[in-house]
Amino acid sequence: MAKESMKAREVKRAKMVAKYAAKRAQLLKEGNYEALQLIPKNASPVRLHNRCKITGRPKGYMRQFGLSRIQFREMASKGLIPGVKKASW
């Protein structure tokens, strides 16, 4: 599992991106790059990183489910994800 501080940091970045989204779009439209540099770095959407909702794992993230590959496999095997079942042929 990821450290709680890493999960909290990603949540904080997501809030900051949402807060400054309109202002960033306006400054980009105007071409005012000097003012754009005064906005905090963490307000840039490029700095966001997808993490598993349960464990916080940053790698092996499945965007459609919001889970890492490991959690997805465990939950699918237990039948906790609707419409997903283990393949067998």
N, C-alpha and C. Protein backbone atom coordinates (compact mmCIF):
# COMPACT_ATOMS: atom_id res chain seq x y z
N MET A 1 0.84 -1.19 0.00
CA MET A 1 0.00 0.00 0.00
C MET A 1 0.87 1.24 0.00
N ALA A 2 0.38 2.26 -0.63
CA ALA A 2 1.09 3.52 -0.68
C ALA A 2 0.99 4.24 0.66
N LYS A 3 1.94 5.10 0.90
CA LYS A 3 1.88 5.88 2.13
C LYS A 3 0.68 6.81 2.08
N GLU A 4 0.11 7.07 3.22
CA GLU A 4 -1.05 7.97 3.30
C GLU A 4 -0.69 9.37 2.81
N SER A 5 0.57 9.77 3.03
CA SER A 5 0.98 11.10 2.59
C SER A 5 0.96 11.22 1.07
N MET A 6 1.28 10.12 0.36
CA MET A 6 1.27 10.15 -1.10
C MET A 6 -0.16 10.25 -1.61
N LYS A 7 -1.07 9.51 -0.98
CA LYS A 7 -2.48 9.59 -1.37
C LYS A 7 -3.02 10.99 -1.13
N ALA A 8 -2.68 11.56 0.02
CA ALA A 8 -3.15 12.90 0.37
C ALA A 8 -2.59 13.95 -0.59
N ARG A 9 -1.36 13.76 -1.01
CA ARG A 9 -0.72 14.70 -1.92
C ARG A 9 -1.44 14.73 -3.26
N GLU A 10 -1.84 13.54 -3.75
CA GLU A 10 -2.57 13.46 -5.02
C GLU A 10 -3.95 14.11 -4.90
N VAL A 11 -4.61 13.92 -3.77
CA VAL A 11 -5.93 14.54 -3.56
C VAL A 11 -5.79 16.06 -3.54
N LYS A 12 -4.74 16.53 -2.87
CA LYS A 12 -4.48 17.98 -2.79
C LYS A 12 -4.22 18.56 -4.19
N ARG A 13 -3.44 17.84 -4.99
CA ARG A 13 -3.16 18.30 -6.36
C ARG A 13 -4.43 18.35 -7.19
N ALA A 14 -5.28 17.33 -7.04
CA ALA A 14 -6.53 17.30 -7.82
C ALA A 14 -7.42 18.48 -7.48
N LYS A 15 -7.49 18.83 -6.20
CA LYS A 15 -8.29 19.99 -5.78
C LYS A 15 -7.71 21.28 -6.35
N MET A 16 -6.38 21.38 -6.35
CA MET A 16 -5.73 22.59 -6.84
C MET A 16 -5.93 22.74 -8.35
N VAL A 17 -5.88 21.63 -9.08
CA VAL A 17 -6.10 21.66 -10.53
C VAL A 17 -7.51 22.16 -10.82
N ALA A 18 -8.48 21.65 -10.06
CA ALA A 18 -9.88 22.07 -10.26
C ALA A 18 -10.06 23.54 -9.93
N LYS A 19 -9.38 24.00 -8.89
CA LYS A 19 -9.52 25.39 -8.45
C LYS A 19 -9.00 26.38 -9.51
N TYR A 20 -7.87 26.03 -10.12
CA TYR A 20 -7.22 26.96 -11.05
C TYR A 20 -7.53 26.67 -12.52
N ALA A 21 -8.40 25.72 -12.82
CA ALA A 21 -8.65 25.32 -14.21
C ALA A 21 -9.16 26.47 -15.06
N ALA A 22 -10.14 27.20 -14.56
CA ALA A 22 -10.71 28.31 -15.34
C ALA A 22 -9.68 29.42 -15.56
N LYS A 23 -8.94 29.73 -14.51
CA LYS A 23 -7.94 30.79 -14.61
C LYS A 23 -6.83 30.40 -15.60
N ARG A 24 -6.39 29.13 -15.56
CA ARG A 24 -5.37 28.66 -16.49
C ARG A 24 -5.86 28.75 -17.93
N ALA A 25 -7.11 28.34 -18.15
CA ALA A 25 -7.66 28.36 -19.50
C ALA A 25 -7.74 29.78 -20.04
N GLN A 26 -8.14 30.70 -19.18
CA GLN A 26 -8.25 32.10 -19.60
C GLN A 26 -6.88 32.68 -19.94
N LEU A 27 -5.89 32.42 -19.09
CA LEU A 27 -4.54 32.95 -19.33
C LEU A 27 -3.93 32.34 -20.58
N LEU A 28 -4.17 31.07 -20.83
CA LEU A 28 -3.66 30.44 -22.04
C LEU A 28 -4.32 31.02 -23.29
N LYS A 29 -5.62 31.28 -23.18
CA LYS A 29 -6.35 31.86 -24.31
C LYS A 29 -5.81 33.24 -24.66
N GLU A 30 -5.50 34.02 -23.61
CA GLU A 30 -4.97 35.37 -23.82
C GLU A 30 -3.51 35.35 -24.24
N GLY A 31 -2.81 34.27 -23.93
CA GLY A 31 -1.38 34.19 -24.23
C GLY A 31 -0.53 34.91 -23.20
N ASN A 32 -1.06 35.08 -22.00
CA ASN A 32 -0.36 35.79 -20.93
C ASN A 32 0.48 34.77 -20.14
N TYR A 33 1.67 34.47 -20.64
CA TYR A 33 2.49 33.43 -20.05
C TYR A 33 3.21 33.90 -18.79
N GLU A 34 3.41 35.19 -18.64
CA GLU A 34 4.04 35.70 -17.41
C GLU A 34 3.11 35.47 -16.21
N ALA A 35 1.84 35.75 -16.39
CA ALA A 35 0.87 35.53 -15.31
C ALA A 35 0.65 34.04 -15.08
N LEU A 36 0.77 33.25 -16.13
CA LEU A 36 0.57 31.81 -16.01
C LEU A 36 1.66 31.18 -15.13
N GLN A 37 2.85 31.76 -15.16
CA GLN A 37 3.95 31.22 -14.35
C GLN A 37 3.78 31.55 -12.87
N LEU A 38 2.91 32.48 -12.55
CA LEU A 38 2.68 32.82 -11.14
C LEU A 38 1.71 31.85 -10.47
N ILE A 39 0.99 31.06 -11.26
CA ILE A 39 0.09 30.05 -10.71
C ILE A 39 0.95 28.91 -10.15
N PRO A 40 0.55 28.29 -9.04
CA PRO A 40 1.36 27.20 -8.45
C PRO A 40 1.60 26.04 -9.43
N LYS A 41 2.75 25.40 -9.30
CA LYS A 41 3.10 24.28 -10.18
C LYS A 41 2.09 23.14 -10.09
N ASN A 42 1.63 22.86 -8.86
CA ASN A 42 0.71 21.75 -8.67
C ASN A 42 -0.68 22.01 -9.24
N ALA A 43 -0.93 23.20 -9.78
CA ALA A 43 -2.21 23.50 -10.41
C ALA A 43 -2.23 23.02 -11.86
N SER A 44 -1.11 22.50 -12.34
CA SER A 44 -1.05 22.01 -13.71
C SER A 44 -1.62 20.59 -13.77
N PRO A 45 -2.53 20.32 -14.70
CA PRO A 45 -3.12 18.99 -14.79
C PRO A 45 -2.11 17.90 -15.18
N VAL A 46 -0.98 18.28 -15.73
CA VAL A 46 0.03 17.31 -16.13
C VAL A 46 0.65 16.64 -14.91
N ARG A 47 0.62 17.31 -13.77
CA ARG A 47 1.25 16.77 -12.56
C ARG A 47 0.39 15.74 -11.84
N LEU A 48 -0.85 15.56 -12.26
CA LEU A 48 -1.70 14.55 -11.64
C LEU A 48 -1.26 13.16 -12.06
N HIS A 49 -1.40 12.20 -11.16
CA HIS A 49 -1.05 10.82 -11.47
C HIS A 49 -2.17 9.93 -10.97
N ASN A 50 -2.64 9.03 -11.80
CA ASN A 50 -3.72 8.12 -11.40
C ASN A 50 -3.23 7.13 -10.37
N ARG A 51 -4.04 6.91 -9.34
CA ARG A 51 -3.72 5.95 -8.29
C ARG A 51 -4.93 5.08 -8.00
N CYS A 52 -4.67 3.86 -7.56
CA CYS A 52 -5.72 2.93 -7.17
C CYS A 52 -6.52 3.53 -6.02
N LYS A 53 -7.85 3.42 -6.09
CA LYS A 53 -8.71 4.00 -5.06
C LYS A 53 -8.57 3.28 -3.72
N ILE A 54 -8.19 2.01 -3.75
CA ILE A 54 -8.10 1.22 -2.52
C ILE A 54 -6.71 1.26 -1.90
N THR A 55 -5.70 0.94 -2.71
CA THR A 55 -4.35 0.81 -2.17
C THR A 55 -3.47 2.03 -2.41
N GLY A 56 -3.81 2.83 -3.41
CA GLY A 56 -2.98 3.99 -3.74
C GLY A 56 -1.82 3.64 -4.67
N ARG A 57 -1.81 2.43 -5.19
CA ARG A 57 -0.72 2.00 -6.08
C ARG A 57 -0.73 2.83 -7.36
N PRO A 58 0.43 3.41 -7.74
CA PRO A 58 0.47 4.27 -8.92
C PRO A 58 0.67 3.52 -10.24
N LYS A 59 1.15 2.30 -10.18
CA LYS A 59 1.43 1.56 -11.42
C LYS A 59 0.38 0.48 -11.63
N GLY A 60 0.17 0.10 -12.86
CA GLY A 60 -0.81 -0.93 -13.19
C GLY A 60 -2.22 -0.46 -12.96
N TYR A 61 -2.49 0.82 -13.21
CA TYR A 61 -3.80 1.43 -12.97
C TYR A 61 -4.73 1.16 -14.14
N MET A 62 -5.94 0.70 -13.85
CA MET A 62 -6.94 0.47 -14.89
C MET A 62 -7.95 1.61 -14.81
N ARG A 63 -7.90 2.48 -15.79
CA ARG A 63 -8.68 3.72 -15.78
C ARG A 63 -10.18 3.47 -15.72
N GLN A 64 -10.65 2.45 -16.41
CA GLN A 64 -12.09 2.18 -16.48
C GLN A 64 -12.68 1.84 -15.11
N PHE A 65 -11.88 1.23 -14.24
CA PHE A 65 -12.37 0.80 -12.93
C PHE A 65 -11.81 1.62 -11.78
N GLY A 66 -10.73 2.35 -12.01
CA GLY A 66 -10.12 3.15 -10.95
C GLY A 66 -9.34 2.31 -9.95
N LEU A 67 -8.91 1.13 -10.39
CA LEU A 67 -8.20 0.20 -9.52
C LEU A 67 -6.88 -0.22 -10.15
N SER A 68 -5.98 -0.71 -9.30
CA SER A 68 -4.76 -1.30 -9.83
C SER A 68 -5.09 -2.70 -10.33
N ARG A 69 -4.21 -3.27 -11.12
CA ARG A 69 -4.43 -4.58 -11.71
C ARG A 69 -4.58 -5.65 -10.64
N ILE A 70 -3.88 -5.49 -9.53
CA ILE A 70 -3.93 -6.48 -8.45
C ILE A 70 -5.28 -6.46 -7.76
N GLN A 71 -5.75 -5.26 -7.39
CA GLN A 71 -7.05 -5.13 -6.74
C GLN A 71 -8.18 -5.54 -7.68
N PHE A 72 -8.03 -5.20 -8.96
CA PHE A 72 -9.04 -5.58 -9.94
C PHE A 72 -9.18 -7.09 -10.01
N ARG A 73 -8.06 -7.79 -10.05
CA ARG A 73 -8.09 -9.26 -10.15
C ARG A 73 -8.73 -9.88 -8.91
N GLU A 74 -8.37 -9.37 -7.73
CA GLU A 74 -8.94 -9.91 -6.49
C GLU A 74 -10.44 -9.67 -6.43
N MET A 75 -10.87 -8.46 -6.76
CA MET A 75 -12.29 -8.13 -6.69
C MET A 75 -13.09 -8.88 -7.76
N ALA A 76 -12.51 -9.06 -8.94
CA ALA A 76 -13.20 -9.78 -10.00
C ALA A 76 -13.35 -11.26 -9.63
N SER A 77 -12.34 -11.82 -9.01
CA SER A 77 -12.41 -13.23 -8.59
C SER A 77 -13.48 -13.45 -7.53
N LYS A 78 -13.66 -12.45 -6.66
CA LYS A 78 -14.67 -12.54 -5.61
C LYS A 78 -16.06 -12.18 -6.11
N GLY A 79 -16.15 -11.67 -7.34
CA GLY A 79 -17.43 -11.29 -7.91
C GLY A 79 -17.94 -9.95 -7.43
N LEU A 80 -17.02 -9.07 -7.03
CA LEU A 80 -17.41 -7.76 -6.49
C LEU A 80 -17.56 -6.69 -7.57
N ILE A 81 -17.11 -6.99 -8.79
CA ILE A 81 -17.22 -6.02 -9.88
C ILE A 81 -18.31 -6.53 -10.82
N PRO A 82 -19.44 -5.80 -10.94
CA PRO A 82 -20.52 -6.29 -11.79
C PRO A 82 -20.13 -6.36 -13.27
N GLY A 83 -20.54 -7.43 -13.92
CA GLY A 83 -20.29 -7.59 -15.35
C GLY A 83 -18.92 -8.13 -15.69
N VAL A 84 -18.11 -8.46 -14.69
CA VAL A 84 -16.76 -8.96 -14.95
C VAL A 84 -16.66 -10.36 -14.36
N LYS A 85 -16.18 -11.30 -15.18
CA LYS A 85 -15.93 -12.63 -14.66
C LYS A 85 -14.65 -13.16 -15.27
N LYS A 86 -14.06 -14.10 -14.59
CA LYS A 86 -12.79 -14.65 -15.02
C LYS A 86 -12.97 -15.46 -16.30
N ALA A 87 -12.10 -15.23 -17.26
CA ALA A 87 -12.19 -15.92 -18.53
C ALA A 87 -11.71 -17.36 -18.39
N SER A 88 -12.40 -18.28 -19.06
CA SER A 88 -11.92 -19.65 -19.11
C SER A 88 -12.37 -20.25 -20.44
N TRP A 89 -11.45 -20.90 -21.13
CA TRP A 89 -11.79 -21.49 -22.42
C TRP A 89 -11.03 -22.77 -22.63
